[in-house]
Amino acid sequence: MRIIALSILFFVLLVPIASALGYTVHPSQNIGNDPGSPISGETVHDIDPIPLWLALLLCVLPQLTATPIEALISLKASLYLGYRNVCKKNALDNPARLEIFHFIKENPGVHFREILRTLSLARGTLGYHIHIMEEEGLLRTIQGRGRKHYFTAGSPYPVEEGILITVLRNDSLRRILTHIRGNQGIPLDEIAEGVDLSRATVHADLKYLVKLGIVKKEKKGRYMLYILPENYSHTLMKYVNCCPEPVPIPAEYEG
């Protein structure tokens, strides 16, 4: 049946639209008579106006028969995309969506641009599939520094650990945290020197970490010292295998 239907469609598309090559005009033979009067004694019947739906059909149908088959194929594809009922049970039946889901599961806390860089998908396609999985409850997100970080819905990470994971995906934040852990109660200048980053960068990163509650600060004399709380210190060791050796705090910081 499919072959027959395709054959009929193929032949219909081959039919060209008729076009007039010229017109022949003859003098009227009904001059002086009322419009609609018979010319040679024939019976005249009034014709009802063409219904609007039929007029529209006669205007549109010839154009449809002349539409390239490529356009019809793309229309069919758009119908599949637009009207298929996606739900949680079948959301991962799509191969691209399943690939994204597995990537997020293997890389918890990954953000959109990381996924985009790794997987060979267009930005719009990736955004569409992530939106579907969010809508169906397959993903959960944590907001951080203007971007979303993605976790699978069944991931075992509590909120506190999830926030730390998102932070550790940033290179400068990870270096700062590991350095503080190995040097508890260290001032900003010492951190900047230890992680080889500018003072302004470290200051902005510390401000963000303090806001999240991952780093605590204590003022001693004229100096502000930074500490990694014990709960985050233990969690950090699950993801970072090495830390720098402790550096003794100069006596003037003990003020």
Protein backbone atom coordinates (compact mmCIF):
# COMPACT_ATOMS: atom_id res chain seq x y z
CA MET A 1 0.00 0.00 0.00
CA ARG A 2 2.84 2.41 0.76
CA ILE A 3 4.38 1.79 -2.65
CA ILE A 4 1.04 2.45 -4.36
CA ALA A 5 0.48 5.64 -2.35
CA LEU A 6 3.97 6.90 -3.14
CA SER A 7 3.50 6.09 -6.83
CA ILE A 8 0.23 8.06 -6.98
CA LEU A 9 1.84 10.99 -5.15
CA PHE A 10 4.81 10.88 -7.53
CA PHE A 11 2.61 11.04 -10.64
CA VAL A 12 0.45 13.80 -9.15
CA LEU A 13 3.53 15.87 -8.49
CA LEU A 14 4.58 15.44 -12.11
CA VAL A 15 1.36 17.01 -13.39
CA PRO A 16 2.16 20.59 -14.39
CA ILE A 17 -0.22 23.45 -13.69
CA ALA A 18 -2.11 24.43 -16.83
CA SER A 19 -1.40 27.90 -18.08
CA ALA A 20 -3.01 29.87 -20.90
CA LEU A 21 -0.81 30.69 -23.85
CA GLY A 22 -3.28 33.12 -25.43
CA TYR A 23 -6.87 34.38 -25.50
CA THR A 24 -9.38 34.71 -28.40
CA VAL A 25 -12.05 37.41 -28.04
CA HIS A 26 -15.24 37.34 -30.23
CA PRO A 27 -17.92 40.05 -30.47
CA SER A 28 -20.95 39.42 -28.29
CA GLN A 29 -24.07 38.03 -30.02
CA ASN A 30 -26.38 39.14 -27.21
CA ILE A 31 -26.19 42.92 -27.67
CA GLY A 32 -29.37 44.71 -26.53
CA ASN A 33 -30.67 41.79 -24.45
CA ASP A 34 -30.71 41.40 -20.71
CA PRO A 35 -27.76 39.53 -19.23
CA GLY A 36 -28.53 35.82 -19.10
CA SER A 37 -31.00 35.88 -22.04
CA PRO A 38 -30.81 32.94 -24.47
CA ILE A 39 -29.08 33.62 -27.79
CA SER A 40 -30.38 30.77 -29.93
CA GLY A 41 -33.41 29.61 -27.94
CA GLU A 42 -31.48 27.51 -25.49
CA THR A 43 -32.64 27.10 -21.90
CA VAL A 44 -30.79 29.33 -19.43
CA HIS A 45 -30.18 28.17 -15.85
CA ASP A 46 -28.96 30.33 -13.00
CA ILE A 47 -25.71 29.09 -11.47
CA ASP A 48 -25.36 29.25 -7.73
CA PRO A 49 -22.24 31.04 -6.45
CA ILE A 50 -19.26 28.82 -5.71
CA PRO A 51 -18.94 28.17 -1.95
CA LEU A 52 -16.01 29.85 -0.25
CA TRP A 53 -14.42 26.55 0.79
CA LEU A 54 -14.51 25.30 -2.79
CA ALA A 55 -13.01 28.53 -4.11
CA LEU A 56 -10.17 28.26 -1.59
CA LEU A 57 -9.64 24.62 -2.48
CA LEU A 58 -9.45 25.43 -6.20
CA CYS A 59 -6.88 28.11 -5.44
CA VAL A 60 -4.72 26.02 -3.10
CA LEU A 61 -4.89 22.55 -4.66
CA PRO A 62 -3.00 23.37 -7.88
CA GLN A 63 -0.21 24.92 -5.84
CA LEU A 64 0.03 21.84 -3.63
CA THR A 65 0.36 19.58 -6.65
CA ALA A 66 3.30 21.68 -7.81
CA THR A 67 5.07 21.61 -4.40
CA PRO A 68 8.48 19.91 -4.53
CA ILE A 69 8.56 16.52 -2.85
CA GLU A 70 11.37 17.73 -0.53
CA ALA A 71 8.96 20.21 1.04
CA LEU A 72 6.41 17.46 1.66
CA ILE A 73 9.05 15.30 3.31
CA SER A 74 10.08 18.13 5.64
CA LEU A 75 6.41 18.75 6.44
CA LYS A 76 6.03 15.11 7.41
CA ALA A 77 9.09 15.37 9.66
CA SER A 78 7.72 18.49 11.35
CA LEU A 79 4.43 16.72 12.00
CA TYR A 80 6.27 13.89 13.71
CA LEU A 81 8.23 16.34 15.86
CA GLY A 82 5.31 18.55 16.70
CA TYR A 83 2.53 16.09 17.44
CA ARG A 84 4.21 13.08 18.97
CA ASN A 85 3.08 12.69 22.56
CA VAL A 86 6.28 12.77 24.63
CA CYS A 87 5.98 11.59 28.23
CA LYS A 88 8.34 10.40 30.94
CA LYS A 89 8.02 6.76 29.81
CA ASN A 90 9.07 7.36 26.21
CA ALA A 91 11.19 10.53 26.58
CA LEU A 92 14.42 8.54 26.41
CA ASP A 93 13.36 6.58 23.32
CA ASN A 94 14.99 9.34 21.29
CA PRO A 95 18.68 8.36 20.69
CA ALA A 96 20.01 11.93 20.99
CA ARG A 97 18.07 12.53 24.20
CA LEU A 98 19.33 9.26 25.66
CA GLU A 99 22.91 10.24 24.82
CA ILE A 100 22.49 13.58 26.61
CA PHE A 101 20.94 11.88 29.64
CA HIS A 102 23.81 9.36 29.96
CA PHE A 103 26.40 12.14 29.55
CA ILE A 104 24.82 14.14 32.41
CA LYS A 105 24.61 11.00 34.55
CA GLU A 106 28.33 10.32 34.03
CA ASN A 107 29.24 14.01 34.52
CA PRO A 108 27.04 15.33 37.34
CA GLY A 109 26.92 19.10 37.62
CA VAL A 110 27.82 19.66 33.96
CA HIS A 111 26.49 22.86 32.41
CA PHE A 112 25.03 23.56 28.95
CA ARG A 113 28.20 24.74 27.23
CA GLU A 114 30.16 21.73 28.45
CA ILE A 115 27.55 19.40 26.97
CA LEU A 116 27.55 21.41 23.75
CA ARG A 117 31.35 21.20 23.45
CA THR A 118 31.40 17.44 23.99
CA LEU A 119 28.40 16.16 22.05
CA SER A 120 27.97 16.71 18.33
CA LEU A 121 24.60 18.45 18.58
CA ALA A 122 23.36 21.84 17.44
CA ARG A 123 22.63 24.38 20.17
CA GLY A 124 18.90 24.47 19.38
CA THR A 125 18.64 20.67 19.33
CA LEU A 126 20.42 20.34 22.67
CA GLY A 127 18.25 23.03 24.24
CA TYR A 128 15.08 21.32 22.98
CA HIS A 129 16.02 17.90 24.38
CA ILE A 130 17.12 19.30 27.75
CA HIS A 131 13.86 21.24 27.99
CA ILE A 132 11.88 18.03 27.34
CA MET A 133 13.79 16.13 30.04
CA GLU A 134 13.32 18.98 32.52
CA GLU A 135 9.59 19.11 31.79
CA GLU A 136 9.29 15.33 32.31
CA GLY A 137 11.24 15.40 35.57
CA LEU A 138 14.25 13.46 34.28
CA LEU A 139 16.72 16.21 35.22
CA ARG A 140 17.20 18.50 38.19
CA THR A 141 19.23 21.68 38.13
CA ILE A 142 21.33 23.82 40.45
CA GLN A 143 21.83 27.47 39.54
CA GLY A 144 25.33 28.82 39.85
CA ARG A 145 26.97 32.00 38.58
CA GLY A 146 24.44 32.66 35.84
CA ARG A 147 24.31 29.12 34.45
CA LYS A 148 22.41 25.94 35.14
CA HIS A 149 24.19 22.78 36.25
CA TYR A 150 22.43 19.52 35.43
CA PHE A 151 21.98 16.31 37.42
CA THR A 152 19.85 13.28 36.61
CA ALA A 153 16.72 13.10 38.73
CA GLY A 154 17.84 9.89 40.43
CA SER A 155 21.34 11.09 41.31
CA PRO A 156 22.29 10.36 44.95
CA TYR A 157 23.79 13.78 45.67
CA PRO A 158 22.19 15.90 48.42
CA VAL A 159 21.86 19.63 47.81
CA GLU A 160 25.00 20.55 49.76
CA GLU A 161 27.13 18.04 47.85
CA GLY A 162 25.54 19.01 44.55
CA ILE A 163 26.49 22.66 45.08
CA LEU A 164 30.09 21.66 45.81
CA ILE A 165 30.20 19.52 42.66
CA THR A 166 29.09 22.47 40.51
CA VAL A 167 31.80 24.65 42.09
CA LEU A 168 34.51 22.06 41.47
CA ARG A 169 33.75 22.10 37.74
CA ASN A 170 35.30 25.58 37.67
CA ASP A 171 39.10 25.42 37.55
CA SER A 172 39.89 28.54 39.57
CA LEU A 173 37.30 27.75 42.26
CA ARG A 174 38.61 24.19 42.56
CA ARG A 175 42.20 25.39 42.96
CA ILE A 176 41.19 27.91 45.61
CA LEU A 177 39.22 25.33 47.62
CA THR A 178 41.94 22.72 47.58
CA HIS A 179 44.51 25.32 48.61
CA ILE A 180 42.37 26.56 51.51
CA ARG A 181 41.81 22.99 52.68
CA GLY A 182 45.53 22.44 52.91
CA ASN A 183 46.09 25.86 54.47
CA GLN A 184 43.20 26.54 56.84
CA GLY A 185 42.98 30.16 58.01
CA ILE A 186 44.96 31.63 55.12
CA PRO A 187 44.62 35.26 53.96
CA LEU A 188 43.62 36.37 50.47
CA ASP A 189 47.12 37.37 49.32
CA GLU A 190 48.53 33.98 50.29
CA ILE A 191 45.74 32.22 48.40
CA ALA A 192 46.35 34.28 45.26
CA GLU A 193 50.05 33.51 45.39
CA GLY A 194 49.46 29.80 46.05
CA VAL A 195 47.03 29.25 43.18
CA ASP A 196 48.83 31.60 40.75
CA LEU A 197 45.79 33.81 40.10
CA SER A 198 45.35 37.56 40.28
CA ARG A 199 44.24 39.08 43.57
CA ALA A 200 41.07 40.47 41.91
CA THR A 201 40.11 37.03 40.57
CA VAL A 202 40.66 35.33 43.93
CA HIS A 203 38.74 38.09 45.74
CA ALA A 204 35.71 37.64 43.43
CA ASP A 205 35.87 33.84 43.74
CA LEU A 206 36.13 33.96 47.53
CA LYS A 207 33.17 36.32 47.72
CA TYR A 208 31.12 33.81 45.71
CA LEU A 209 32.27 30.84 47.85
CA VAL A 210 31.46 32.70 51.07
CA LYS A 211 28.00 33.53 49.71
CA LEU A 212 27.39 29.82 49.04
CA GLY A 213 28.57 28.97 52.56
CA ILE A 214 31.34 26.70 51.28
CA VAL A 215 34.07 28.96 52.70
CA LYS A 216 33.97 30.83 56.00
CA LYS A 217 35.93 33.96 56.79
CA GLU A 218 37.25 35.13 60.14
CA LYS A 219 38.76 38.49 60.95
CA LYS A 220 41.92 38.44 63.05
CA GLY A 221 43.38 41.86 63.72
CA ARG A 222 43.64 43.71 60.43
CA TYR A 223 43.44 40.57 58.30
CA MET A 224 40.60 38.40 56.94
CA LEU A 225 41.38 34.68 57.06
CA TYR A 226 39.52 32.00 55.05
CA ILE A 227 38.55 28.55 56.31
CA LEU A 228 36.94 25.52 54.70
CA PRO A 229 34.30 24.09 57.10
CA GLU A 230 34.75 20.47 58.16
CA ASN A 231 31.67 19.17 56.33
CA TYR A 232 32.84 20.60 53.02
CA SER A 233 36.41 19.55 53.72
CA HIS A 234 35.38 15.88 53.97
CA THR A 235 33.16 16.12 50.89
CA LEU A 236 35.93 17.81 48.91
CA MET A 237 38.23 14.82 49.42
CA LYS A 238 35.75 12.59 47.56
CA TYR A 239 36.45 14.52 44.37
CA VAL A 240 39.98 15.93 44.79
CA ASN A 241 42.75 13.43 45.44
CA CYS A 242 45.54 15.78 46.45
CA CYS A 243 45.95 19.04 48.29
CA PRO A 244 48.97 21.31 48.72
CA GLU A 245 51.07 20.96 51.82
CA PRO A 246 50.03 23.25 54.68
CA VAL A 247 51.78 26.59 54.70
CA PRO A 248 52.42 28.17 58.15
CA ILE A 249 50.62 31.45 58.72
CA PRO A 250 53.02 34.36 59.39
CA ALA A 251 52.99 35.65 62.97
CA GLU A 252 51.62 39.05 61.94
CA TYR A 253 48.37 37.42 60.78
CA GLU A 254 47.70 36.04 64.25
CA GLY A 255 47.16 39.66 65.51
